[in-house]
Amino acid sequence: MRRDLMTALNRFSIVFRRFKVNLGLLQNVSAIRMAVVGFNYITSLGLAQLLVEAPDLDVAGSSTEVGGALALLESDPLDIVLVDSGMDRGELINTCTTLAGVPNPPRVVVMGDVEFKLAEILFLEGASAILHLGRIAEDLPTLLRVIHGGGASMLNAEALEALKDRDYLCNMIHKERFEGLNARERSVAEGIAEGLTNLQLAAAMHVSEATVKLLVSTVMNKLGVENRVRIAVSVTKAKFL
């Protein structure tokens, strides 16, 4: 009897501690500003109606493509961008990459069923979580609060370890490439990662804008990327280690 009582008390203690942690997490979340990207008009309306009822979620807008979220970011930061997994594969990957490359990037949450290989790419390109349809039926606002607080929805424990290993190796490659840049090239790469334009870089480095353009081209070649967004992502990954 005494042993059963102690076991019950221990279980209660564990549950209570978890409750306090979760309660604290939810209480510390103020207004979470978010956007919805890639969903069709009807689905966007349904999501907006579902999310607007949550007092601590502020749906700033919706768009069929990432440009809409970028426009919202010009006025105020976004905490979360909810993305439809049903988008074209290339567009979905580009959406994650683009949002991960902006200053103060939002948490990118992909909603829908995603096969493992694509999920792996999405996480490496900046997605914070993938919410499978079976997990969002009950309380999407609560899941978004948890993700905003630092949580993530993964496929399983093995997938998490595999992605960590791949992410580390990927970051090592970016680090080696970044360290292969000379001082001026690093300045350009870091400036682009901070969101500076060519004109601003030219003024900061006391060189002509034409020189900056040549340096940007050289940086792209050395980092193995094709645009400024990719430069920013590469620099961020290189400095993560």
Protein backbone atom coordinates (compact mmCIF):
# COMPACT_ATOMS: atom_id res chain seq x y z
CA MET A 1 0.00 0.00 0.00
CA ARG A 2 2.75 2.42 0.99
CA ARG A 3 4.69 1.56 -2.17
CA ASP A 4 1.60 2.17 -4.33
CA LEU A 5 1.05 5.54 -2.64
CA MET A 6 4.66 6.60 -3.24
CA THR A 7 4.43 5.53 -6.89
CA ALA A 8 1.25 7.56 -7.35
CA LEU A 9 2.81 10.61 -5.70
CA ASN A 10 5.92 10.35 -7.88
CA ARG A 11 3.79 10.18 -11.00
CA PHE A 12 1.76 13.16 -9.83
CA SER A 13 4.98 15.09 -9.18
CA ILE A 14 6.27 14.38 -12.69
CA VAL A 15 2.97 15.36 -14.31
CA PHE A 16 2.76 18.52 -12.21
CA ARG A 17 6.29 19.60 -13.17
CA ARG A 18 5.50 19.08 -16.84
CA PHE A 19 2.27 21.03 -16.40
CA LYS A 20 4.16 23.95 -14.84
CA VAL A 21 6.69 23.96 -17.68
CA ASN A 22 3.96 23.91 -20.34
CA LEU A 23 1.90 26.50 -18.49
CA GLY A 24 4.92 28.77 -18.17
CA LEU A 25 5.65 28.38 -21.86
CA LEU A 26 2.14 29.34 -22.83
CA GLN A 27 1.96 32.25 -20.40
CA ASN A 28 5.21 33.74 -21.72
CA VAL A 29 3.89 33.85 -25.28
CA SER A 30 2.48 37.26 -26.08
CA ALA A 31 1.02 38.06 -29.48
CA ILE A 32 2.44 35.63 -32.05
CA ARG A 33 2.43 37.37 -35.43
CA MET A 34 2.10 34.93 -38.28
CA ALA A 35 1.34 34.58 -41.98
CA VAL A 36 -0.16 31.80 -44.09
CA VAL A 37 1.51 30.90 -47.40
CA GLY A 38 0.63 28.57 -50.26
CA PHE A 39 -2.89 27.52 -49.31
CA ASN A 40 -5.81 27.97 -51.70
CA TYR A 41 -8.40 30.64 -51.01
CA ILE A 42 -10.93 28.38 -49.27
CA THR A 43 -8.33 26.71 -47.04
CA SER A 44 -6.81 30.09 -46.17
CA LEU A 45 -10.20 31.36 -45.05
CA GLY A 46 -10.74 28.26 -42.92
CA LEU A 47 -7.32 28.59 -41.28
CA ALA A 48 -7.80 32.30 -40.68
CA GLN A 49 -11.15 31.63 -38.99
CA LEU A 50 -9.62 28.89 -36.85
CA LEU A 51 -6.57 30.90 -35.82
CA VAL A 52 -8.22 34.29 -35.34
CA GLU A 53 -10.23 32.86 -32.45
CA ALA A 54 -7.00 32.24 -30.52
CA PRO A 55 -6.37 35.45 -28.53
CA ASP A 56 -2.56 35.21 -28.68
CA LEU A 57 -2.28 34.59 -32.44
CA ASP A 58 -2.22 37.51 -34.87
CA VAL A 59 -2.72 36.40 -38.49
CA ALA A 60 -1.15 39.30 -40.39
CA GLY A 61 -2.08 37.99 -43.82
CA SER A 62 -2.11 35.15 -46.33
CA SER A 63 -0.61 34.66 -49.77
CA THR A 64 -0.30 31.95 -52.40
CA GLU A 65 3.48 32.48 -52.62
CA VAL A 66 6.41 33.55 -50.45
CA GLY A 67 6.44 37.10 -51.81
CA GLY A 68 3.39 37.90 -49.71
CA ALA A 69 5.19 36.92 -46.52
CA LEU A 70 8.23 38.97 -47.53
CA ALA A 71 5.97 42.00 -48.05
CA LEU A 72 4.58 41.56 -44.53
CA LEU A 73 8.12 41.31 -43.15
CA GLU A 74 8.91 44.75 -44.54
CA SER A 75 6.57 46.32 -41.99
CA ASP A 76 7.00 44.13 -38.89
CA PRO A 77 8.73 40.85 -38.02
CA LEU A 78 6.83 37.58 -38.31
CA ASP A 79 7.09 34.92 -35.62
CA ILE A 80 5.68 32.04 -37.66
CA VAL A 81 4.90 31.39 -41.32
CA LEU A 82 2.52 28.48 -41.89
CA VAL A 83 3.24 26.88 -45.29
CA ASP A 84 1.15 24.42 -47.30
CA SER A 85 3.00 21.16 -48.05
CA GLY A 86 0.82 20.84 -51.16
CA MET A 87 2.81 23.54 -52.95
CA ASP A 88 5.00 22.57 -55.89
CA ARG A 89 8.09 20.78 -54.51
CA GLY A 90 10.56 23.34 -55.84
CA GLU A 91 8.43 26.24 -54.67
CA LEU A 92 8.05 24.67 -51.22
CA ILE A 93 11.82 24.27 -50.83
CA ASN A 94 12.42 27.79 -52.13
CA THR A 95 9.87 29.17 -49.66
CA CYS A 96 11.74 27.62 -46.71
CA THR A 97 15.12 28.77 -48.06
CA THR A 98 13.95 32.32 -48.72
CA LEU A 99 12.34 32.78 -45.30
CA ALA A 100 15.39 31.30 -43.54
CA GLY A 101 17.60 33.84 -45.30
CA VAL A 102 15.90 37.04 -44.13
CA PRO A 103 17.15 38.97 -41.08
CA ASN A 104 15.39 37.74 -37.92
CA PRO A 105 13.78 34.83 -39.79
CA PRO A 106 10.40 33.51 -38.67
CA ARG A 107 9.81 29.90 -37.72
CA VAL A 108 8.65 28.12 -40.86
CA VAL A 109 5.97 25.52 -40.17
CA VAL A 110 5.04 23.18 -43.02
CA MET A 111 1.52 21.81 -42.65
CA GLY A 112 0.59 18.50 -44.25
CA ASP A 113 1.97 15.03 -44.95
CA VAL A 114 5.54 15.09 -46.27
CA GLU A 115 7.64 12.09 -47.26
CA PHE A 116 10.93 11.66 -45.42
CA LYS A 117 13.36 12.70 -48.18
CA LEU A 118 11.51 15.96 -48.77
CA ALA A 119 11.16 16.53 -45.01
CA GLU A 120 14.92 16.16 -44.68
CA ILE A 121 15.50 18.80 -47.33
CA LEU A 122 12.95 21.16 -45.78
CA PHE A 123 14.55 20.98 -42.34
CA LEU A 124 18.00 21.56 -43.81
CA GLU A 125 16.64 24.55 -45.75
CA GLY A 126 15.18 26.22 -42.67
CA ALA A 127 11.84 24.63 -41.73
CA SER A 128 11.27 24.53 -37.96
CA ALA A 129 8.50 21.94 -37.90
CA ILE A 130 6.29 19.75 -40.03
CA LEU A 131 2.76 19.30 -38.73
CA HIS A 132 1.21 16.13 -40.09
CA LEU A 133 -2.51 16.25 -40.70
CA GLY A 134 -3.15 13.67 -38.01
CA ARG A 135 -1.48 15.89 -35.41
CA ILE A 136 -3.27 19.15 -36.15
CA ALA A 137 -6.87 18.01 -35.95
CA GLU A 138 -7.24 18.73 -32.25
CA ASP A 139 -5.64 22.08 -31.46
CA LEU A 140 -3.52 23.86 -34.08
CA PRO A 141 -3.14 27.08 -32.03
CA THR A 142 -1.59 25.14 -29.13
CA LEU A 143 0.87 23.40 -31.46
CA LEU A 144 1.88 26.75 -32.95
CA ARG A 145 2.47 28.20 -29.46
CA VAL A 146 4.72 25.24 -28.60
CA ILE A 147 6.69 25.65 -31.84
CA HIS A 148 7.01 29.39 -31.22
CA GLY A 149 8.40 28.55 -27.80
CA GLY A 150 11.14 26.40 -29.30
CA GLY A 151 9.44 23.06 -29.87
CA ALA A 152 9.33 21.17 -33.15
CA SER A 153 7.29 18.34 -34.60
CA MET A 154 9.59 15.67 -36.04
CA LEU A 155 8.96 12.42 -37.88
CA ASN A 156 10.47 10.19 -35.17
CA ALA A 157 13.58 9.86 -32.98
CA GLU A 158 15.62 8.11 -35.68
CA ALA A 159 14.76 10.80 -38.21
CA LEU A 160 15.80 13.48 -35.72
CA GLU A 161 19.24 11.90 -35.22
CA ALA A 162 19.70 11.40 -38.96
CA LEU A 163 18.84 15.03 -39.65
CA LYS A 164 21.18 16.24 -36.91
CA ASP A 165 24.05 14.28 -38.46
CA ARG A 166 23.27 15.51 -41.95
CA ASP A 167 22.82 19.08 -40.74
CA TYR A 168 26.21 19.00 -38.99
CA LEU A 169 27.96 17.70 -42.12
CA CYS A 170 26.14 20.27 -44.25
CA ASN A 171 27.17 23.10 -41.92
CA MET A 172 30.78 21.88 -42.01
CA ILE A 173 30.79 22.19 -45.79
CA HIS A 174 29.42 25.74 -45.57
CA LYS A 175 32.01 26.56 -42.89
CA GLU A 176 34.90 25.31 -45.04
CA ARG A 177 33.69 27.28 -48.05
CA PHE A 178 33.18 30.43 -45.98
CA GLU A 179 36.68 30.16 -44.52
CA GLY A 180 37.99 29.93 -48.09
CA LEU A 181 36.86 33.53 -48.75
CA ASN A 182 39.36 36.37 -48.41
CA ALA A 183 38.70 39.32 -46.08
CA ARG A 184 36.81 41.46 -48.61
CA GLU A 185 34.73 38.52 -49.81
CA ARG A 186 33.80 37.68 -46.22
CA SER A 187 32.73 41.28 -45.64
CA VAL A 188 30.46 41.09 -48.67
CA ALA A 189 29.01 37.71 -47.65
CA GLU A 190 28.38 38.85 -44.07
CA GLY A 191 26.84 42.11 -45.29
CA ILE A 192 24.46 40.24 -47.57
CA ALA A 193 23.50 37.98 -44.66
CA GLU A 194 22.65 41.15 -42.70
CA GLY A 195 20.44 42.37 -45.55
CA LEU A 196 22.70 45.10 -46.94
CA THR A 197 22.35 46.20 -50.57
CA ASN A 198 25.27 46.53 -52.99
CA LEU A 199 25.16 50.30 -52.56
CA GLN A 200 25.31 50.00 -48.77
CA LEU A 201 28.16 47.49 -49.01
CA ALA A 202 30.07 49.81 -51.33
CA ALA A 203 29.73 52.69 -48.87
CA ALA A 204 30.76 50.54 -45.89
CA MET A 205 33.78 49.07 -47.70
CA HIS A 206 34.77 52.33 -49.43
CA VAL A 207 34.73 50.76 -52.89
CA SER A 208 32.62 51.25 -56.01
CA GLU A 209 29.31 49.49 -56.50
CA ALA A 210 30.79 47.80 -59.59
CA THR A 211 33.52 46.30 -57.39
CA VAL A 212 30.90 45.00 -54.98
CA LYS A 213 29.02 43.34 -57.85
CA LEU A 214 32.21 41.54 -58.90
CA LEU A 215 32.82 40.46 -55.31
CA VAL A 216 29.25 39.17 -54.99
CA SER A 217 29.76 37.07 -58.13
CA THR A 218 33.03 35.69 -56.74
CA VAL A 219 31.40 34.88 -53.40
CA MET A 220 28.60 32.98 -55.15
CA ASN A 221 31.13 30.91 -57.09
CA LYS A 222 33.22 30.11 -54.00
CA LEU A 223 30.22 29.24 -51.84
CA GLY A 224 28.59 27.23 -54.61
CA VAL A 225 25.33 29.19 -54.55
CA GLU A 226 23.31 31.00 -57.19
CA ASN A 227 21.77 34.03 -55.50
CA ARG A 228 21.95 36.41 -52.53
CA VAL A 229 19.45 34.46 -50.45
CA ARG A 230 21.63 31.38 -50.74
CA ILE A 231 24.67 33.43 -49.71
CA ALA A 232 22.84 34.49 -46.55
CA VAL A 233 21.82 30.91 -45.76
CA SER A 234 25.35 29.63 -46.37
CA VAL A 235 26.88 32.26 -44.05
CA THR A 236 24.32 31.49 -41.34
CA LYS A 237 25.04 27.75 -41.54
CA ALA A 238 28.80 28.36 -41.57
CA LYS A 239 28.61 30.42 -38.37
CA PHE A 240 26.26 27.96 -36.67
CA LEU A 241 29.20 25.69 -35.77
